[in-house]
Amino acid sequence: MKSINFKCYLLVFVFLFSYIFVGCTKSVSPVVSEKSNEKIKLSCAIPAEDTAKIKAFKSFETNIKKQFSDYDISFKYIKGDTKSYETKIKVLLSSNQKPDIFFSKENSFFEQLFSANAVQPIDKYLKELKFWHMVLPFVKNDGYKGKVYAVPFEEVHYEIMAINSDIFNKNKIKIPTNFEELKNAVYTLKSKGIIPIAIGGKDGGIVYNMIGSFAATIDPEVTKNIINGKEKFSSNNFKEAVLKVKELIDMEAFGKETQCRTDLQAAQLFNSGKAAIYCTSSSNLNMCNKKLNGKCKLIYYPYIGEENVNNYNSLVSDLQKNSGLFISSISEHPKEAVNLAIEISKEYNKYLYEKQNNPATIYIPSKQGWENNNKNNKDLQQFMKSLYENKNITSSLLNGSINVKASKAIMEASTAFMTGFLSVDTYTKELDKAMELKF
């Protein structure tokens, strides 16, 4: 009897153990989601009013989708001017159709997005995807408050001096590489009845970028140091550049009533042969070269003080820090979104380089295998190639490094300085005050 009871107990125990074991095994088995085989969905919003961008996007949209076959990608082309576009983006970000990626280049709009926590920093993804190895050295910047929020997208141009080589050659004037040589050129040009330097003095942004370009020849890090609070505008480096520009103003190097002159009027003076030098952007070089029948040459800003490897070929770019392809803060696939944004950025720059013969790409073409057979303006082509290794390039302070209020105050003060309303000391102190403004 005891033997039978023991066997019964044993059978019951084995049965219960087996049941528990099976139950436990089932409970830890992975649950296969019905969505596991679905493609990653990503949406991208782009303004539809920019004809050049739309044409470019239409040319590579199909290729992008083929390249990312595991993604379900949709592009939204939003109609309307800049203000209308921004309003529609805000609506989308608060709807059930939130874009993972969207384009913006307005710093004031970025400030609104940042304040509303609508965008997320993407530094770690850019690093993981080795983005910084693809682009020009200076494209890697400190971003906003030490963080990068957008994949750079648009072409970049640089503050340069365009010179009428025919005027310089006929008058046997040495092309200036330093400030003293520039002053000597000014004296000679004035004696010949030629306006030495044309600049749109009415535009405070242009005036500031000229001064900033001279300051960069003293120390390419001057703008970065001012932003980080290590220096002020009233400190030695920037103030020295302001003093040198004041010398040029006193010499009437810019001609008379330059404070009333727009950039368009300055360009007309240069292109008509009435001015020998034009403070402008590298984006205007092709146009000037055509107007002057190939007699336009690009030069760097003449350096102030002693030249050394630390300030050699210093340049100020118009790279926008808070501009490009943003990733919304609610994106469920931020790394994949950044990866797609990088590819979109690359395809757009490739389109500009190969189809539009525009060398002003942020990428290094040789690393991407891009080809451009355009042989026009070898001066500009050579200049662009020199950027691949140039470490003395910085972004203009006015291109997203500071808030809109501060930028506006700096431009207004720069116009007043060019007009003669502000002394060197007062001007630099006004710039210091502008940096304290909050958005």
Protein backbone atom coordinates (compact mmCIF):
# COMPACT_ATOMS: atom_id res chain seq x y z
CA MET A 1 0.00 0.00 0.00
CA LYS A 2 2.79 2.37 0.93
CA SER A 3 4.56 1.44 -2.30
CA ILE A 4 1.47 2.28 -4.33
CA ASN A 5 1.01 5.60 -2.53
CA PHE A 6 4.65 6.51 -3.11
CA LYS A 7 4.31 5.77 -6.82
CA CYS A 8 1.19 7.88 -6.97
CA TYR A 9 2.92 10.77 -5.23
CA LEU A 10 5.90 10.40 -7.56
CA LEU A 11 3.69 10.48 -10.63
CA VAL A 12 1.89 13.56 -9.35
CA PHE A 13 5.23 15.27 -8.63
CA VAL A 14 6.61 14.45 -12.08
CA PHE A 15 3.40 15.71 -13.69
CA LEU A 16 3.46 18.97 -11.73
CA PHE A 17 7.18 19.52 -12.40
CA SER A 18 6.67 18.93 -16.11
CA TYR A 19 3.76 21.37 -16.14
CA ILE A 20 5.74 24.04 -14.28
CA PHE A 21 8.78 23.52 -16.56
CA VAL A 22 6.71 23.82 -19.70
CA GLY A 23 4.96 26.88 -18.32
CA CYS A 24 8.26 28.56 -17.44
CA THR A 25 9.71 27.71 -20.82
CA LYS A 26 6.76 29.30 -22.56
CA SER A 27 6.95 32.42 -20.41
CA VAL A 28 10.57 33.25 -21.41
CA SER A 29 10.17 32.51 -25.11
CA PRO A 30 10.64 35.68 -27.25
CA VAL A 31 7.43 37.18 -28.48
CA VAL A 32 7.60 37.86 -32.17
CA SER A 33 5.96 41.20 -32.83
CA GLU A 34 3.72 41.51 -35.79
CA LYS A 35 5.61 44.74 -36.56
CA SER A 36 9.10 43.18 -36.51
CA ASN A 37 9.05 42.69 -40.27
CA GLU A 38 7.81 46.20 -41.02
CA LYS A 39 10.14 48.76 -42.61
CA ILE A 40 11.44 51.69 -40.59
CA LYS A 41 9.24 54.63 -41.46
CA LEU A 42 10.91 58.01 -41.88
CA SER A 43 9.44 61.24 -43.23
CA CYS A 44 11.31 64.31 -44.45
CA ALA A 45 9.85 67.81 -44.93
CA ILE A 46 11.42 70.19 -47.46
CA PRO A 47 10.35 73.69 -48.62
CA ALA A 48 8.82 73.54 -52.09
CA GLU A 49 9.48 77.16 -53.07
CA ASP A 50 13.25 76.71 -53.48
CA THR A 51 13.39 75.69 -57.14
CA ALA A 52 17.04 74.62 -57.03
CA LYS A 53 16.48 72.31 -54.06
CA ILE A 54 13.31 70.79 -55.47
CA LYS A 55 15.02 70.08 -58.79
CA ALA A 56 17.90 68.46 -56.95
CA PHE A 57 15.62 66.40 -54.68
CA LYS A 58 13.56 65.15 -57.58
CA SER A 59 16.75 63.97 -59.27
CA PHE A 60 17.90 61.75 -56.39
CA GLU A 61 14.69 60.96 -54.46
CA THR A 62 14.28 57.62 -56.27
CA ASN A 63 17.93 56.68 -55.73
CA ILE A 64 17.68 57.47 -52.03
CA LYS A 65 14.68 55.17 -51.64
CA LYS A 66 16.49 52.36 -53.48
CA GLN A 67 19.59 52.83 -51.37
CA PHE A 68 17.54 52.62 -48.16
CA SER A 69 15.40 49.67 -49.22
CA ASP A 70 14.79 48.71 -45.57
CA TYR A 71 13.22 52.11 -44.91
CA ASP A 72 9.78 53.37 -45.81
CA ILE A 73 10.73 56.95 -46.77
CA SER A 74 8.31 59.74 -47.60
CA PHE A 75 9.14 63.29 -48.69
CA LYS A 76 6.80 66.19 -48.02
CA TYR A 77 7.26 69.28 -50.16
CA ILE A 78 5.74 72.22 -48.31
CA LYS A 79 4.59 75.24 -50.31
CA GLY A 80 4.80 78.85 -49.18
CA ASP A 81 7.39 81.48 -48.28
CA THR A 82 9.78 81.09 -45.34
CA LYS A 83 7.29 82.28 -42.73
CA SER A 84 4.54 80.06 -44.11
CA TYR A 85 6.91 77.08 -44.24
CA GLU A 86 7.93 77.56 -40.61
CA THR A 87 4.29 77.81 -39.51
CA LYS A 88 3.44 74.58 -41.33
CA ILE A 89 6.44 72.83 -39.75
CA LYS A 90 5.19 73.89 -36.30
CA VAL A 91 1.76 72.49 -37.11
CA LEU A 92 3.26 69.20 -38.30
CA LEU A 93 5.41 68.89 -35.17
CA SER A 94 2.29 69.15 -33.02
CA SER A 95 0.22 66.75 -35.15
CA ASN A 96 0.11 63.00 -35.71
CA GLN A 97 2.18 63.45 -38.88
CA LYS A 98 5.39 64.63 -37.27
CA PRO A 99 8.36 64.64 -39.68
CA ASP A 100 11.49 62.82 -38.52
CA ILE A 101 13.64 65.15 -40.63
CA PHE A 102 13.00 68.71 -41.74
CA PHE A 103 15.01 71.51 -43.29
CA SER A 104 15.54 74.98 -41.85
CA LYS A 105 18.19 77.66 -42.22
CA GLU A 106 16.72 80.46 -40.13
CA ASN A 107 18.46 81.00 -36.78
CA SER A 108 15.39 82.70 -35.28
CA PHE A 109 13.30 79.63 -36.13
CA PHE A 110 15.88 77.35 -34.55
CA GLU A 111 15.67 79.38 -31.35
CA GLN A 112 11.92 78.76 -31.25
CA LEU A 113 12.38 75.04 -31.90
CA PHE A 114 15.08 74.78 -29.25
CA SER A 115 12.95 76.58 -26.66
CA ALA A 116 10.05 74.20 -27.37
CA ASN A 117 12.30 71.10 -27.17
CA ALA A 118 11.19 70.24 -30.70
CA VAL A 119 14.64 69.18 -31.94
CA GLN A 120 17.28 66.88 -30.51
CA PRO A 121 21.09 67.02 -30.48
CA ILE A 122 22.71 64.61 -32.92
CA ASP A 123 26.41 64.78 -31.98
CA LYS A 124 26.76 61.12 -30.98
CA TYR A 125 25.10 59.89 -34.17
CA LEU A 126 27.30 62.06 -36.39
CA LYS A 127 30.35 60.67 -34.60
CA GLU A 128 29.16 57.05 -34.86
CA LEU A 129 28.44 57.49 -38.57
CA LYS A 130 31.88 59.12 -39.10
CA PHE A 131 30.31 62.18 -40.67
CA TRP A 132 33.16 64.53 -39.72
CA HIS A 133 35.59 62.48 -41.83
CA MET A 134 33.55 63.26 -44.94
CA VAL A 135 33.49 67.05 -44.73
CA LEU A 136 35.89 69.99 -44.74
CA PRO A 137 37.76 70.35 -41.40
CA PHE A 138 36.05 73.58 -40.31
CA VAL A 139 32.53 72.18 -40.82
CA LYS A 140 32.87 70.46 -37.44
CA ASN A 141 31.90 73.29 -35.12
CA ASP A 142 30.87 73.76 -31.51
CA GLY A 143 27.20 74.01 -32.42
CA TYR A 144 24.70 75.67 -30.12
CA LYS A 145 25.69 75.53 -26.45
CA GLY A 146 28.18 72.81 -27.31
CA LYS A 147 25.69 70.63 -29.20
CA VAL A 148 25.04 70.07 -32.91
CA TYR A 149 21.38 69.98 -33.93
CA ALA A 150 21.47 69.81 -37.72
CA VAL A 151 23.23 67.93 -40.49
CA PRO A 152 24.94 70.64 -42.60
CA PHE A 153 23.28 70.78 -45.97
CA GLU A 154 23.92 73.85 -48.10
CA GLU A 155 27.03 74.99 -49.92
CA VAL A 156 29.47 77.29 -48.12
CA HIS A 157 31.09 80.51 -49.31
CA TYR A 158 33.92 82.61 -47.93
CA GLU A 159 34.78 86.24 -47.28
CA ILE A 160 37.46 87.22 -49.80
CA MET A 161 38.81 90.19 -51.71
CA ALA A 162 38.24 90.19 -55.46
CA ILE A 163 40.80 92.28 -57.36
CA ASN A 164 40.84 93.67 -60.87
CA SER A 165 44.11 92.11 -62.04
CA ASP A 166 44.17 94.34 -65.13
CA ILE A 167 44.29 97.50 -62.97
CA PHE A 168 47.03 96.05 -60.78
CA ASN A 169 49.14 94.93 -63.75
CA LYS A 170 48.80 98.16 -65.74
CA ASN A 171 49.75 100.28 -62.73
CA LYS A 172 52.48 97.86 -61.61
CA ILE A 173 50.94 97.48 -58.16
CA LYS A 174 51.95 94.52 -56.04
CA ILE A 175 49.02 92.31 -55.07
CA PRO A 176 48.88 92.77 -51.28
CA THR A 177 49.49 89.87 -48.92
CA ASN A 178 49.86 91.96 -45.75
CA PHE A 179 48.26 95.13 -44.43
CA GLU A 180 51.21 97.42 -45.19
CA GLU A 181 51.18 96.30 -48.82
CA LEU A 182 47.44 96.96 -48.90
CA LYS A 183 48.01 100.53 -47.68
CA ASN A 184 50.68 101.05 -50.35
CA ALA A 185 48.25 99.82 -53.00
CA VAL A 186 45.59 102.23 -51.68
CA TYR A 187 47.97 105.20 -51.97
CA THR A 188 48.88 104.33 -55.57
CA LEU A 189 45.30 103.65 -56.65
CA LYS A 190 44.08 106.93 -55.18
CA SER A 191 46.78 108.81 -57.06
CA LYS A 192 45.46 107.26 -60.29
CA GLY A 193 41.88 108.35 -59.56
CA ILE A 194 40.71 104.78 -58.90
CA ILE A 195 38.59 103.83 -55.88
CA PRO A 196 40.86 101.41 -54.00
CA ILE A 197 38.24 99.27 -52.20
CA ALA A 198 34.52 98.87 -52.90
CA ILE A 199 32.30 97.65 -50.08
CA GLY A 200 28.60 97.87 -49.28
CA GLY A 201 29.12 100.11 -46.26
CA LYS A 202 25.38 100.51 -45.75
CA ASP A 203 25.12 96.83 -44.80
CA GLY A 204 26.36 96.30 -41.25
CA GLY A 205 26.74 92.57 -41.80
CA ILE A 206 29.16 93.12 -44.68
CA VAL A 207 31.12 95.70 -42.68
CA TYR A 208 31.36 93.38 -39.68
CA ASN A 209 32.49 90.43 -41.85
CA MET A 210 35.24 92.58 -43.35
CA ILE A 211 36.50 93.53 -39.88
CA GLY A 212 36.12 89.93 -38.71
CA SER A 213 38.16 88.74 -41.70
CA PHE A 214 41.00 91.09 -40.82
CA ALA A 215 40.77 89.96 -37.18
CA ALA A 216 41.06 86.32 -38.28
CA THR A 217 44.45 87.10 -39.84
CA ILE A 218 45.67 88.05 -36.37
CA ASP A 219 44.15 84.97 -34.75
CA PRO A 220 41.79 82.56 -36.56
CA GLU A 221 40.36 81.62 -33.15
CA VAL A 222 39.27 85.17 -32.29
CA THR A 223 35.57 84.58 -33.03
CA LYS A 224 35.53 81.30 -31.13
CA ASN A 225 37.24 82.95 -28.16
CA ILE A 226 34.69 85.79 -28.11
CA ILE A 227 31.79 83.32 -28.21
CA ASN A 228 33.30 81.28 -25.37
CA GLY A 229 33.96 84.39 -23.28
CA LYS A 230 37.75 84.04 -23.38
CA GLU A 231 38.06 87.38 -25.19
CA LYS A 232 35.97 90.44 -25.85
CA PHE A 233 35.62 92.63 -28.90
CA SER A 234 37.39 95.31 -26.89
CA SER A 235 40.33 92.93 -26.30
CA ASN A 236 43.55 93.35 -28.25
CA ASN A 237 43.01 91.05 -31.26
CA PHE A 238 39.64 92.24 -32.55
CA LYS A 239 40.29 95.84 -31.54
CA GLU A 240 43.53 95.80 -33.54
CA ALA A 241 41.55 94.85 -36.64
CA VAL A 242 39.07 97.68 -36.00
CA LEU A 243 41.96 100.14 -35.68
CA LYS A 244 43.35 99.00 -39.04
CA VAL A 245 39.97 99.41 -40.75
CA LYS A 246 39.74 102.88 -39.20
CA GLU A 247 43.08 103.66 -40.89
CA LEU A 248 41.57 102.65 -44.23
CA ILE A 249 38.49 104.81 -43.58
CA ASP A 250 40.68 107.81 -42.74
CA MET A 251 42.66 107.23 -45.95
CA GLU A 252 39.37 107.24 -47.91
CA ALA A 253 40.29 103.78 -49.16
CA PHE A 254 36.60 103.02 -49.65
CA GLY A 255 35.88 106.19 -51.58
CA LYS A 256 33.40 108.85 -50.56
CA GLU A 257 29.98 108.20 -49.00
CA THR A 258 30.69 104.49 -48.69
CA GLN A 259 28.28 104.40 -45.73
CA CYS A 260 25.43 105.04 -48.21
CA ARG A 261 26.54 102.35 -50.66
CA THR A 262 24.76 99.02 -50.98
CA ASP A 263 26.55 95.82 -51.89
CA LEU A 264 24.98 95.95 -55.36
CA GLN A 265 26.39 99.44 -55.90
CA ALA A 266 29.80 98.29 -54.66
CA ALA A 267 29.71 95.41 -57.15
CA GLN A 268 28.82 97.81 -59.96
CA LEU A 269 31.80 100.03 -59.12
CA PHE A 270 34.11 97.02 -59.23
CA ASN A 271 32.65 95.39 -62.32
CA SER A 272 32.80 98.67 -64.24
CA GLY A 273 36.51 99.10 -63.49
CA LYS A 274 36.01 102.12 -61.21
CA ALA A 275 37.21 100.22 -58.13
CA ALA A 276 40.25 97.94 -57.92
CA ILE A 277 39.26 95.75 -54.97
CA TYR A 278 35.87 94.41 -53.90
CA CYS A 279 35.18 93.02 -50.40
CA THR A 280 32.75 90.25 -51.17
CA SER A 281 31.89 86.56 -50.97
CA SER A 282 33.50 83.82 -53.04
CA SER A 283 29.99 83.17 -54.39
CA ASN A 284 30.27 86.35 -56.47
CA LEU A 285 33.61 85.56 -58.07
CA ASN A 286 32.25 83.90 -61.23
CA MET A 287 29.95 86.85 -61.92
CA CYS A 288 32.75 89.37 -61.41
CA ASN A 289 35.09 87.35 -63.60
CA LYS A 290 32.56 87.40 -66.44
CA LYS A 291 32.00 91.14 -66.11
CA LEU A 292 35.75 91.79 -66.20
CA ASN A 293 36.40 89.34 -69.05
CA GLY A 294 38.51 86.99 -66.97
CA LYS A 295 40.51 89.75 -65.26
CA CYS A 296 39.18 89.07 -61.77
CA LYS A 297 41.41 87.38 -59.23
CA LEU A 298 40.63 86.10 -55.74
CA ILE A 299 42.90 86.89 -52.79
CA TYR A 300 42.78 86.23 -49.07
CA TYR A 301 42.46 89.16 -46.70
CA PRO A 302 45.95 90.68 -46.21
CA TYR A 303 47.26 89.66 -42.82
CA ILE A 304 47.84 92.11 -39.99
CA GLY A 305 51.12 91.88 -38.08
CA GLU A 306 53.50 88.98 -38.62
CA GLU A 307 52.51 86.07 -40.82
CA ASN A 308 52.93 82.56 -39.39
CA VAL A 309 51.46 79.09 -39.82
CA ASN A 310 48.78 79.89 -37.24
CA ASN A 311 47.19 82.65 -39.33
CA TYR A 312 48.20 81.62 -42.86
CA ASN A 313 45.37 81.95 -45.40
CA SER A 314 42.77 82.72 -42.72
CA LEU A 315 39.17 82.75 -43.90
CA VAL A 316 35.72 83.53 -42.55
CA SER A 317 32.94 81.33 -43.96
CA ASP A 318 29.17 81.76 -44.13
CA LEU A 319 28.56 78.28 -42.71
CA GLN A 320 25.31 78.44 -40.75
CA LYS A 321 25.61 76.64 -37.43
CA ASN A 322 21.91 76.13 -36.82
CA SER A 323 20.99 75.32 -40.39
CA GLY A 324 20.39 72.13 -42.31
CA LEU A 325 18.45 68.96 -41.70
CA PHE A 326 17.06 68.73 -38.17
CA ILE A 327 15.83 65.62 -36.37
CA SER A 328 12.61 66.12 -34.43
CA SER A 329 12.75 65.24 -30.75
CA ILE A 330 9.95 62.69 -31.08
CA SER A 331 11.58 60.63 -33.85
CA GLU A 332 11.48 56.95 -32.88
CA HIS A 333 14.54 56.21 -35.01
CA PRO A 334 16.96 59.12 -34.49
CA LYS A 335 20.13 57.33 -35.63
CA GLU A 336 18.45 56.05 -38.78
CA ALA A 337 17.05 59.54 -39.37
CA VAL A 338 20.52 61.08 -39.06
CA ASN A 339 21.92 58.45 -41.42
CA LEU A 340 19.25 59.32 -43.98
CA ALA A 341 19.82 63.06 -43.47
CA ILE A 342 23.55 62.61 -44.14
CA GLU A 343 22.81 60.78 -47.37
CA ILE A 344 20.36 63.49 -48.46
CA SER A 345 22.99 66.12 -47.68
CA LYS A 346 25.62 64.22 -49.67
CA GLU A 347 23.33 63.75 -52.66
CA TYR A 348 22.43 67.44 -52.71
CA ASN A 349 26.08 68.51 -52.58
CA LYS A 350 26.95 65.95 -55.26
CA TYR A 351 24.21 67.42 -57.44
CA LEU A 352 25.64 70.92 -56.97
CA TYR A 353 29.19 69.76 -57.67
CA GLU A 354 28.60 67.50 -60.67
CA LYS A 355 25.44 68.89 -62.27
CA GLN A 356 25.65 72.59 -61.42
CA ASN A 357 29.46 72.93 -61.61
CA ASN A 358 29.34 74.49 -58.15
CA PRO A 359 32.58 73.73 -56.25
CA ALA A 360 31.36 75.23 -52.96
CA THR A 361 30.51 71.87 -51.41
CA ILE A 362 30.98 71.12 -47.71
CA TYR A 363 32.27 67.64 -48.62
CA ILE A 364 35.68 66.63 -49.92
CA PRO A 365 34.85 65.49 -53.49
CA SER A 366 37.87 63.19 -53.85
CA LYS A 367 36.76 61.21 -50.78
CA GLN A 368 33.28 60.82 -52.26
CA GLY A 369 34.46 59.92 -55.76
CA TRP A 370 32.71 62.93 -57.31
CA GLU A 371 33.89 64.34 -60.62
CA ASN A 372 33.61 67.84 -62.04
CA ASN A 373 34.89 68.50 -65.55
CA ASN A 374 34.27 72.24 -65.45
CA LYS A 375 37.52 74.00 -66.34
CA ASN A 376 36.15 77.53 -65.98
CA ASN A 377 37.71 79.90 -63.46
CA LYS A 378 40.76 77.88 -62.44
CA ASP A 379 41.43 80.48 -59.73
CA LEU A 380 38.22 79.54 -57.93
CA GLN A 381 38.77 75.81 -58.50
CA GLN A 382 42.25 76.02 -56.98
CA PHE A 383 40.95 78.08 -54.08
CA MET A 384 38.33 75.43 -53.29
CA LYS A 385 40.89 72.64 -53.38
CA SER A 386 43.06 74.53 -50.90
CA LEU A 387 40.20 74.38 -48.39
CA TYR A 388 40.51 70.61 -48.00
CA GLU A 389 43.52 71.05 -45.72
CA ASN A 390 43.04 74.61 -44.47
CA LYS A 391 42.59 74.62 -40.69
CA ASN A 392 42.42 78.42 -40.38
CA ILE A 393 38.77 78.76 -41.37
CA THR A 394 36.08 79.94 -39.00
CA SER A 395 32.38 80.74 -39.29
CA SER A 396 31.11 84.29 -39.19
CA LEU A 397 29.75 85.28 -35.80
CA LEU A 398 26.55 86.38 -37.54
CA ASN A 399 25.80 82.94 -38.99
CA GLY A 400 23.99 81.29 -36.12
CA SER A 401 26.72 81.55 -33.49
CA ILE A 402 24.74 84.10 -31.50
CA ASN A 403 21.06 84.93 -31.14
CA VAL A 404 19.13 87.17 -33.51
CA LYS A 405 18.99 90.17 -31.15
CA ALA A 406 22.76 90.15 -30.69
CA SER A 407 23.34 89.82 -34.45
CA LYS A 408 21.06 92.76 -35.17
CA ALA A 409 22.81 94.95 -32.58
CA ILE A 410 26.24 94.08 -34.02
CA MET A 411 25.16 94.92 -37.57
CA GLU A 412 23.65 98.25 -36.49
CA ALA A 413 26.81 99.19 -34.58
CA SER A 414 28.98 98.21 -37.57
CA THR A 415 27.00 100.50 -39.88
CA ALA A 416 27.36 103.33 -37.36
CA PHE A 417 31.12 102.72 -37.17
CA MET A 418 31.46 102.86 -40.96
CA THR A 419 29.42 106.07 -40.99
CA GLY A 420 31.76 107.65 -38.45
CA PHE A 421 29.20 107.88 -35.65
CA LEU A 422 31.17 105.53 -33.38
CA SER A 423 34.83 105.66 -32.41
CA VAL A 424 36.94 102.50 -32.22
CA ASP A 425 36.53 102.30 -28.42
CA THR A 426 32.79 102.98 -28.48
CA TYR A 427 32.23 100.53 -31.32
CA THR A 428 34.01 97.62 -29.65
CA LYS A 429 32.20 98.31 -26.36
CA GLU A 430 28.87 98.31 -28.19
CA LEU A 431 29.75 94.91 -29.62
CA ASP A 432 30.57 93.67 -26.11
CA LYS A 433 27.13 94.84 -24.94
CA ALA A 434 25.46 93.08 -27.86
CA MET A 435 26.92 89.75 -26.76
CA GLU A 436 25.03 90.08 -23.47
CA LEU A 437 21.61 90.24 -25.16
CA LYS A 438 19.36 87.22 -24.65
CA PHE A 439 16.73 85.85 -27.01
